[in-house]
Amino acid sequence: MRWRKFNGESIAQPIQDAVRETIQQEVENGVKLKVCIGTDSQVKGDITEFATVIVFLREHAGGFMYIHNEKVRQHYHIKERMLLEVAKSIEVAYALCDTFIEFGVDLEVHADINTNPQFKSNDALREAMGYILGMGFAFKAKPEAFASSCCADKMVN
């Protein structure tokens, strides 16, 4: 997986190492962090592009994020695509959770799924919530799921 910073700078090392170093540096600087992970996708013709973000929130001091984009030549039903977004977020959260636990960093997994039943994405809400909570992660859906619905949304080309 290739990750980059918001400024476009590539992250050369494995994401686990980069996140560990980042958290260590922030903690040494006396910063309390919270991390939110989310994924969004966009369909253009027969291409589906996913953007997954790791958003680092500094208590009372802004934040920053790491981004991973992936394009696949496949069309998904909306519910399938929503659950795939959640799966991508969980995959990243699971790979990083030991580091978050070690440093006492709170983690939330954000799903770009509407809590309003009038929206098509709502079909996937129960499964997504069960999947995320079942993995032991805190869950947020729209409108509180800013990592997926705002941050990742802006990173999908």
N, C-alpha and C. Protein backbone atom coordinates (compact mmCIF):
# COMPACT_ATOMS: atom_id res chain seq x y z
N MET A 1 0.84 -1.19 0.00
CA MET A 1 0.00 0.00 0.00
C MET A 1 0.87 1.24 0.00
N ARG A 2 0.61 2.14 -0.91
CA ARG A 2 1.35 3.40 -0.97
C ARG A 2 0.55 4.48 -0.26
N TRP A 3 1.17 5.14 0.69
CA TRP A 3 0.55 6.20 1.46
C TRP A 3 1.27 7.50 1.18
N ARG A 4 0.55 8.62 1.39
CA ARG A 4 1.14 9.94 1.21
C ARG A 4 0.57 10.88 2.26
N LYS A 5 1.28 11.99 2.42
CA LYS A 5 0.79 13.04 3.30
C LYS A 5 -0.13 13.95 2.49
N PHE A 6 -0.84 14.83 3.17
CA PHE A 6 -1.77 15.74 2.51
C PHE A 6 -1.07 16.64 1.50
N ASN A 7 0.21 17.00 1.76
CA ASN A 7 0.96 17.85 0.84
C ASN A 7 1.48 17.09 -0.38
N GLY A 8 1.16 15.80 -0.46
CA GLY A 8 1.58 14.99 -1.61
C GLY A 8 2.86 14.21 -1.39
N GLU A 9 3.58 14.52 -0.32
CA GLU A 9 4.83 13.83 -0.01
C GLU A 9 4.56 12.36 0.25
N SER A 10 5.30 11.51 -0.45
CA SER A 10 5.13 10.07 -0.31
C SER A 10 5.69 9.58 1.01
N ILE A 11 5.03 8.60 1.59
CA ILE A 11 5.52 7.96 2.82
C ILE A 11 6.21 6.68 2.37
N ALA A 12 7.53 6.68 2.47
CA ALA A 12 8.33 5.59 1.91
C ALA A 12 8.31 4.33 2.78
N GLN A 13 8.22 4.50 4.09
CA GLN A 13 8.28 3.36 4.99
C GLN A 13 6.90 2.71 5.13
N PRO A 14 6.84 1.50 5.66
CA PRO A 14 5.54 0.87 5.91
C PRO A 14 4.69 1.78 6.81
N ILE A 15 3.39 1.79 6.58
CA ILE A 15 2.51 2.71 7.29
C ILE A 15 2.56 2.47 8.81
N GLN A 16 2.74 1.23 9.23
CA GLN A 16 2.84 0.96 10.66
C GLN A 16 4.02 1.71 11.29
N ASP A 17 5.15 1.72 10.60
CA ASP A 17 6.34 2.42 11.10
C ASP A 17 6.13 3.93 11.10
N ALA A 18 5.55 4.44 10.02
CA ALA A 18 5.30 5.88 9.92
C ALA A 18 4.35 6.36 11.01
N VAL A 19 3.30 5.60 11.26
CA VAL A 19 2.32 5.98 12.29
C VAL A 19 2.97 5.92 13.67
N ARG A 20 3.73 4.89 13.94
CA ARG A 20 4.42 4.75 15.23
C ARG A 20 5.35 5.95 15.46
N GLU A 21 6.16 6.30 14.46
CA GLU A 21 7.09 7.43 14.60
C GLU A 21 6.32 8.74 14.80
N THR A 22 5.23 8.90 14.07
CA THR A 22 4.42 10.11 14.17
C THR A 22 3.84 10.24 15.57
N ILE A 23 3.24 9.17 16.07
CA ILE A 23 2.64 9.21 17.40
C ILE A 23 3.71 9.46 18.46
N GLN A 24 4.84 8.78 18.33
CA GLN A 24 5.93 8.94 19.29
C GLN A 24 6.38 10.41 19.34
N GLN A 25 6.53 11.01 18.17
CA GLN A 25 6.97 12.40 18.08
C GLN A 25 5.93 13.35 18.71
N GLU A 26 4.66 13.11 18.40
CA GLU A 26 3.60 13.96 18.95
C GLU A 26 3.53 13.83 20.47
N VAL A 27 3.63 12.60 20.97
CA VAL A 27 3.58 12.37 22.42
C VAL A 27 4.78 13.04 23.11
N GLU A 28 5.96 12.93 22.50
CA GLU A 28 7.16 13.58 23.05
C GLU A 28 6.99 15.09 23.11
N ASN A 29 6.20 15.64 22.18
CA ASN A 29 5.92 17.08 22.16
C ASN A 29 4.77 17.46 23.09
N GLY A 30 4.27 16.48 23.84
CA GLY A 30 3.22 16.75 24.81
C GLY A 30 1.82 16.86 24.22
N VAL A 31 1.64 16.34 23.01
CA VAL A 31 0.34 16.44 22.33
C VAL A 31 -0.50 15.20 22.63
N LYS A 32 -1.77 15.42 22.95
CA LYS A 32 -2.71 14.31 23.10
C LYS A 32 -3.38 14.11 21.74
N LEU A 33 -3.32 12.89 21.22
CA LEU A 33 -3.86 12.58 19.90
C LEU A 33 -5.12 11.73 19.98
N LYS A 34 -5.92 11.87 18.94
CA LYS A 34 -7.03 10.96 18.66
C LYS A 34 -6.91 10.65 17.17
N VAL A 35 -7.19 9.41 16.78
CA VAL A 35 -7.08 9.02 15.38
C VAL A 35 -8.44 8.55 14.88
N CYS A 36 -8.79 9.01 13.68
CA CYS A 36 -10.02 8.57 13.01
C CYS A 36 -9.63 8.02 11.65
N ILE A 37 -10.14 6.84 11.33
CA ILE A 37 -9.83 6.20 10.05
C ILE A 37 -11.12 6.06 9.27
N GLY A 38 -11.08 6.44 8.00
CA GLY A 38 -12.27 6.33 7.16
C GLY A 38 -11.92 6.15 5.70
N THR A 39 -12.87 5.63 4.96
CA THR A 39 -12.70 5.40 3.53
C THR A 39 -13.93 5.91 2.80
N ASP A 40 -13.70 6.49 1.63
CA ASP A 40 -14.80 6.88 0.75
C ASP A 40 -14.46 6.38 -0.64
N SER A 41 -15.45 6.33 -1.50
CA SER A 41 -15.22 5.87 -2.87
C SER A 41 -16.06 6.67 -3.84
N GLN A 42 -15.64 6.63 -5.09
CA GLN A 42 -16.36 7.27 -6.17
C GLN A 42 -16.31 6.36 -7.39
N VAL A 43 -17.41 6.32 -8.11
CA VAL A 43 -17.48 5.50 -9.31
C VAL A 43 -17.46 6.41 -10.52
N LYS A 44 -16.55 6.10 -11.46
CA LYS A 44 -16.47 6.84 -12.72
C LYS A 44 -16.39 5.81 -13.83
N GLY A 45 -17.50 5.62 -14.52
CA GLY A 45 -17.55 4.60 -15.56
C GLY A 45 -17.38 3.23 -14.93
N ASP A 46 -16.39 2.47 -15.42
CA ASP A 46 -16.17 1.14 -14.86
C ASP A 46 -15.03 1.12 -13.83
N ILE A 47 -14.61 2.32 -13.39
CA ILE A 47 -13.55 2.43 -12.39
C ILE A 47 -14.16 2.88 -11.06
N THR A 48 -13.80 2.19 -9.99
CA THR A 48 -14.16 2.61 -8.64
C THR A 48 -12.88 3.01 -7.94
N GLU A 49 -12.85 4.24 -7.44
CA GLU A 49 -11.67 4.71 -6.71
C GLU A 49 -12.00 4.82 -5.24
N PHE A 50 -11.10 4.28 -4.42
CA PHE A 50 -11.23 4.34 -2.97
C PHE A 50 -10.13 5.24 -2.42
N ALA A 51 -10.47 6.02 -1.41
CA ALA A 51 -9.49 6.80 -0.66
C ALA A 51 -9.67 6.46 0.81
N THR A 52 -8.60 6.02 1.44
CA THR A 52 -8.61 5.72 2.87
C THR A 52 -7.71 6.75 3.54
N VAL A 53 -8.18 7.30 4.67
CA VAL A 53 -7.40 8.30 5.38
C VAL A 53 -7.22 7.90 6.84
N ILE A 54 -6.07 8.28 7.35
CA ILE A 54 -5.78 8.18 8.78
C ILE A 54 -5.67 9.62 9.23
N VAL A 55 -6.66 10.08 10.01
CA VAL A 55 -6.71 11.46 10.45
C VAL A 55 -6.21 11.53 11.90
N PHE A 56 -5.16 12.32 12.11
CA PHE A 56 -4.60 12.54 13.44
C PHE A 56 -5.13 13.87 13.95
N LEU A 57 -5.86 13.83 15.04
CA LEU A 57 -6.39 15.06 15.64
C LEU A 57 -5.58 15.39 16.89
N ARG A 58 -5.00 16.59 16.87
CA ARG A 58 -4.26 17.07 18.04
C ARG A 58 -5.26 17.82 18.93
N GLU A 59 -5.32 17.44 20.20
CA GLU A 59 -6.25 18.10 21.11
C GLU A 59 -5.95 19.60 21.16
N HIS A 60 -6.93 20.39 20.77
CA HIS A 60 -6.85 21.86 20.74
C HIS A 60 -5.77 22.40 19.81
N ALA A 61 -5.33 21.62 18.83
CA ALA A 61 -4.22 22.09 17.99
C ALA A 61 -4.30 21.58 16.55
N GLY A 62 -5.50 21.41 15.99
CA GLY A 62 -5.62 21.01 14.59
C GLY A 62 -5.32 19.54 14.35
N GLY A 63 -4.92 19.24 13.15
CA GLY A 63 -4.64 17.86 12.82
C GLY A 63 -4.00 17.72 11.46
N PHE A 64 -3.79 16.48 11.05
CA PHE A 64 -3.19 16.16 9.76
C PHE A 64 -3.61 14.75 9.39
N MET A 65 -3.34 14.36 8.13
CA MET A 65 -3.77 13.02 7.73
C MET A 65 -2.81 12.39 6.73
N TYR A 66 -2.88 11.06 6.71
CA TYR A 66 -2.19 10.24 5.72
C TYR A 66 -3.25 9.64 4.82
N ILE A 67 -2.91 9.50 3.53
CA ILE A 67 -3.90 9.13 2.51
C ILE A 67 -3.39 7.97 1.66
N HIS A 68 -4.31 7.07 1.35
CA HIS A 68 -4.03 5.97 0.41
C HIS A 68 -5.16 5.94 -0.62
N ASN A 69 -4.80 5.98 -1.90
CA ASN A 69 -5.79 5.88 -2.98
C ASN A 69 -5.60 4.55 -3.71
N GLU A 70 -6.71 4.02 -4.16
CA GLU A 70 -6.69 2.76 -4.90
C GLU A 70 -7.81 2.78 -5.94
N LYS A 71 -7.47 2.40 -7.17
CA LYS A 71 -8.47 2.32 -8.23
C LYS A 71 -8.62 0.87 -8.66
N VAL A 72 -9.88 0.46 -8.83
CA VAL A 72 -10.15 -0.89 -9.32
C VAL A 72 -11.13 -0.80 -10.49
N ARG A 73 -10.97 -1.71 -11.41
CA ARG A 73 -11.86 -1.75 -12.58
C ARG A 73 -12.98 -2.73 -12.27
N GLN A 74 -13.89 -2.26 -11.43
CA GLN A 74 -15.00 -3.11 -11.03
C GLN A 74 -16.15 -2.22 -10.59
N HIS A 75 -17.34 -2.68 -10.87
CA HIS A 75 -18.53 -1.95 -10.43
C HIS A 75 -19.18 -2.74 -9.30
N TYR A 76 -19.54 -2.04 -8.24
CA TYR A 76 -20.14 -2.67 -7.08
C TYR A 76 -21.56 -2.15 -6.87
N HIS A 77 -22.41 -3.00 -6.33
CA HIS A 77 -23.72 -2.55 -5.85
C HIS A 77 -23.43 -1.62 -4.67
N ILE A 78 -24.29 -0.63 -4.42
CA ILE A 78 -24.03 0.39 -3.39
C ILE A 78 -23.74 -0.22 -2.01
N LYS A 79 -24.51 -1.21 -1.61
CA LYS A 79 -24.31 -1.82 -0.29
C LYS A 79 -22.96 -2.52 -0.23
N GLU A 80 -22.61 -3.22 -1.29
CA GLU A 80 -21.33 -3.91 -1.37
C GLU A 80 -20.17 -2.91 -1.29
N ARG A 81 -20.31 -1.79 -1.98
CA ARG A 81 -19.26 -0.77 -1.99
C ARG A 81 -19.12 -0.12 -0.60
N MET A 82 -20.24 0.13 0.07
CA MET A 82 -20.20 0.71 1.42
C MET A 82 -19.48 -0.24 2.39
N LEU A 83 -19.80 -1.51 2.30
CA LEU A 83 -19.16 -2.49 3.19
C LEU A 83 -17.69 -2.69 2.84
N LEU A 84 -17.35 -2.55 1.56
CA LEU A 84 -15.94 -2.63 1.16
C LEU A 84 -15.16 -1.43 1.71
N GLU A 85 -15.79 -0.25 1.71
CA GLU A 85 -15.16 0.92 2.32
C GLU A 85 -14.86 0.64 3.79
N VAL A 86 -15.84 0.10 4.49
CA VAL A 86 -15.67 -0.22 5.91
C VAL A 86 -14.56 -1.25 6.09
N ALA A 87 -14.53 -2.26 5.24
CA ALA A 87 -13.50 -3.30 5.33
C ALA A 87 -12.10 -2.71 5.15
N LYS A 88 -11.96 -1.76 4.23
CA LYS A 88 -10.66 -1.13 4.00
C LYS A 88 -10.24 -0.33 5.24
N SER A 89 -11.18 0.37 5.86
CA SER A 89 -10.88 1.13 7.07
C SER A 89 -10.49 0.19 8.22
N ILE A 90 -11.23 -0.89 8.37
CA ILE A 90 -10.95 -1.85 9.44
C ILE A 90 -9.58 -2.51 9.23
N GLU A 91 -9.25 -2.81 7.99
CA GLU A 91 -7.94 -3.42 7.70
C GLU A 91 -6.81 -2.52 8.20
N VAL A 92 -6.93 -1.22 7.94
CA VAL A 92 -5.91 -0.27 8.39
C VAL A 92 -5.94 -0.14 9.91
N ALA A 93 -7.13 0.00 10.47
CA ALA A 93 -7.26 0.13 11.94
C ALA A 93 -6.67 -1.08 12.65
N TYR A 94 -6.95 -2.26 12.13
CA TYR A 94 -6.46 -3.48 12.74
C TYR A 94 -4.93 -3.55 12.68
N ALA A 95 -4.36 -3.12 11.56
CA ALA A 95 -2.90 -3.14 11.40
C ALA A 95 -2.21 -2.16 12.36
N LEU A 96 -2.94 -1.12 12.78
CA LEU A 96 -2.34 -0.08 13.60
C LEU A 96 -2.77 -0.10 15.07
N CYS A 97 -3.75 -0.92 15.41
CA CYS A 97 -4.37 -0.83 16.74
C CYS A 97 -3.40 -1.09 17.88
N ASP A 98 -2.42 -1.96 17.72
CA ASP A 98 -1.46 -2.21 18.79
C ASP A 98 -0.67 -0.95 19.13
N THR A 99 -0.33 -0.18 18.11
CA THR A 99 0.40 1.08 18.33
C THR A 99 -0.48 2.08 19.07
N PHE A 100 -1.76 2.16 18.68
CA PHE A 100 -2.68 3.08 19.35
C PHE A 100 -2.85 2.70 20.81
N ILE A 101 -2.96 1.42 21.07
CA ILE A 101 -3.12 0.93 22.45
C ILE A 101 -1.86 1.25 23.26
N GLU A 102 -0.71 0.97 22.66
CA GLU A 102 0.58 1.20 23.34
C GLU A 102 0.72 2.66 23.79
N PHE A 103 0.30 3.58 22.94
CA PHE A 103 0.47 5.00 23.24
C PHE A 103 -0.79 5.64 23.84
N GLY A 104 -1.83 4.86 24.07
CA GLY A 104 -3.05 5.39 24.66
C GLY A 104 -3.80 6.35 23.76
N VAL A 105 -3.76 6.10 22.46
CA VAL A 105 -4.43 6.96 21.48
C VAL A 105 -5.82 6.40 21.19
N ASP A 106 -6.84 7.24 21.35
CA ASP A 106 -8.21 6.82 21.04
C ASP A 106 -8.38 6.69 19.54
N LEU A 107 -9.13 5.68 19.12
CA LEU A 107 -9.35 5.40 17.70
C LEU A 107 -10.84 5.30 17.42
N GLU A 108 -11.24 5.90 16.31
CA GLU A 108 -12.60 5.74 15.80
C GLU A 108 -12.52 5.30 14.35
N VAL A 109 -13.41 4.41 13.94
CA VAL A 109 -13.54 4.04 12.53
C VAL A 109 -14.81 4.71 12.02
N HIS A 110 -14.66 5.50 10.97
CA HIS A 110 -15.77 6.27 10.42
C HIS A 110 -16.29 5.61 9.15
N ALA A 111 -17.61 5.50 9.05
CA ALA A 111 -18.26 4.91 7.87
C ALA A 111 -19.05 5.98 7.15
N ASP A 112 -18.85 6.08 5.85
CA ASP A 112 -19.56 7.06 5.02
C ASP A 112 -20.96 6.53 4.70
N ILE A 113 -21.69 6.25 5.75
CA ILE A 113 -23.02 5.65 5.61
C ILE A 113 -24.01 6.55 6.34
N ASN A 114 -25.10 6.85 5.66
CA ASN A 114 -26.08 7.77 6.22
C ASN A 114 -26.97 7.06 7.23
N THR A 115 -27.23 7.71 8.35
CA THR A 115 -28.12 7.15 9.36
C THR A 115 -29.59 7.38 9.00
N ASN A 116 -29.84 8.20 7.98
CA ASN A 116 -31.20 8.47 7.51
C ASN A 116 -31.63 7.37 6.55
N PRO A 117 -32.71 6.64 6.85
CA PRO A 117 -33.15 5.52 6.00
C PRO A 117 -33.56 5.93 4.58
N GLN A 118 -33.74 7.21 4.34
CA GLN A 118 -34.11 7.66 2.99
C GLN A 118 -32.94 7.58 2.00
N PHE A 119 -31.72 7.41 2.50
CA PHE A 119 -30.55 7.34 1.63
C PHE A 119 -30.17 5.89 1.36
N LYS A 120 -29.73 5.62 0.13
CA LYS A 120 -29.40 4.25 -0.27
C LYS A 120 -28.29 3.64 0.57
N SER A 121 -27.32 4.46 0.98
CA SER A 121 -26.21 3.91 1.76
C SER A 121 -26.67 3.34 3.11
N ASN A 122 -27.84 3.76 3.58
CA ASN A 122 -28.37 3.30 4.87
C ASN A 122 -28.57 1.79 4.89
N ASP A 123 -28.75 1.16 3.72
CA ASP A 123 -28.93 -0.30 3.64
C ASP A 123 -27.77 -1.05 4.31
N ALA A 124 -26.59 -0.44 4.33
CA ALA A 124 -25.40 -1.11 4.86
C ALA A 124 -25.11 -0.73 6.31
N LEU A 125 -25.93 0.12 6.91
CA LEU A 125 -25.62 0.66 8.24
C LEU A 125 -25.49 -0.43 9.31
N ARG A 126 -26.47 -1.30 9.41
CA ARG A 126 -26.43 -2.32 10.47
C ARG A 126 -25.24 -3.24 10.34
N GLU A 127 -24.97 -3.70 9.11
CA GLU A 127 -23.83 -4.60 8.89
C GLU A 127 -22.51 -3.89 9.20
N ALA A 128 -22.38 -2.64 8.74
CA ALA A 128 -21.15 -1.88 8.95
C ALA A 128 -20.93 -1.65 10.44
N MET A 129 -21.98 -1.24 11.14
CA MET A 129 -21.86 -0.98 12.57
C MET A 129 -21.50 -2.27 13.31
N GLY A 130 -22.12 -3.38 12.96
CA GLY A 130 -21.81 -4.66 13.58
C GLY A 130 -20.38 -5.10 13.32
N TYR A 131 -19.92 -4.88 12.09
CA TYR A 131 -18.57 -5.25 11.68
C TYR A 131 -17.55 -4.45 12.49
N ILE A 132 -17.73 -3.13 12.54
CA ILE A 132 -16.77 -2.25 13.23
C ILE A 132 -16.79 -2.52 14.73
N LEU A 133 -17.97 -2.53 15.32
CA LEU A 133 -18.07 -2.76 16.77
C LEU A 133 -17.62 -4.16 17.14
N GLY A 134 -17.91 -5.14 16.28
CA GLY A 134 -17.50 -6.51 16.51
C GLY A 134 -15.99 -6.68 16.51
N MET A 135 -15.29 -5.80 15.79
CA MET A 135 -13.83 -5.83 15.77
C MET A 135 -13.25 -5.07 16.97
N GLY A 136 -14.14 -4.46 17.76
CA GLY A 136 -13.70 -3.77 18.97
C GLY A 136 -13.36 -2.30 18.79
N PHE A 137 -13.77 -1.72 17.67
CA PHE A 137 -13.46 -0.32 17.40
C PHE A 137 -14.67 0.56 17.66
N ALA A 138 -14.41 1.82 18.02
CA ALA A 138 -15.48 2.80 18.15
C ALA A 138 -15.98 3.14 16.74
N PHE A 139 -17.29 3.36 16.60
CA PHE A 139 -17.93 3.53 15.30
C PHE A 139 -18.61 4.90 15.21
N LYS A 140 -18.45 5.55 14.06
CA LYS A 140 -19.20 6.77 13.76
C LYS A 140 -19.74 6.67 12.34
N ALA A 141 -20.98 7.12 12.17
CA ALA A 141 -21.60 7.19 10.84
C ALA A 141 -21.94 8.66 10.57
N LYS A 142 -22.40 8.94 9.36
CA LYS A 142 -22.80 10.31 9.05
C LYS A 142 -23.87 10.77 10.02
N PRO A 143 -23.88 11.98 10.45
CA PRO A 143 -23.03 13.10 10.05
C PRO A 143 -21.74 13.23 10.86
N GLU A 144 -21.51 12.37 11.86
CA GLU A 144 -20.30 12.48 12.70
C GLU A 144 -19.05 11.87 12.05
N ALA A 145 -19.21 11.17 10.96
CA ALA A 145 -18.10 10.43 10.35
C ALA A 145 -17.28 11.30 9.39
N PHE A 146 -16.67 12.35 9.92
CA PHE A 146 -15.96 13.31 9.07
C PHE A 146 -14.74 12.72 8.36
N ALA A 147 -14.09 11.71 8.95
CA ALA A 147 -12.90 11.13 8.30
C ALA A 147 -13.25 10.54 6.95
N SER A 148 -14.41 9.88 6.86
CA SER A 148 -14.81 9.29 5.58
C SER A 148 -15.61 10.28 4.74
N SER A 149 -16.58 10.97 5.34
CA SER A 149 -17.49 11.80 4.54
C SER A 149 -16.91 13.16 4.15
N CYS A 150 -15.86 13.62 4.84
CA CYS A 150 -15.22 14.90 4.47
C CYS A 150 -13.80 14.69 3.99
N CYS A 151 -12.95 14.13 4.87
CA CYS A 151 -11.53 14.01 4.54
C CYS A 151 -11.27 13.06 3.36
N ALA A 152 -11.75 11.82 3.48
CA ALA A 152 -11.54 10.85 2.40
C ALA A 152 -12.28 11.28 1.13
N ASP A 153 -13.45 11.87 1.32
CA ASP A 153 -14.25 12.33 0.18
C ASP A 153 -13.46 13.32 -0.68
N LYS A 154 -12.68 14.19 -0.06
CA LYS A 154 -11.89 15.18 -0.80
C LYS A 154 -10.68 14.55 -1.49
N MET A 155 -10.29 13.35 -1.06
CA MET A 155 -9.10 12.70 -1.60
C MET A 155 -9.40 11.75 -2.75
N VAL A 156 -10.69 11.53 -3.02
CA VAL A 156 -11.07 10.70 -4.17
C VAL A 156 -11.10 11.62 -5.38
N ASN A 157 -10.26 11.30 -6.36
CA ASN A 157 -10.13 12.21 -7.52
C ASN A 157 -11.38 12.31 -8.35
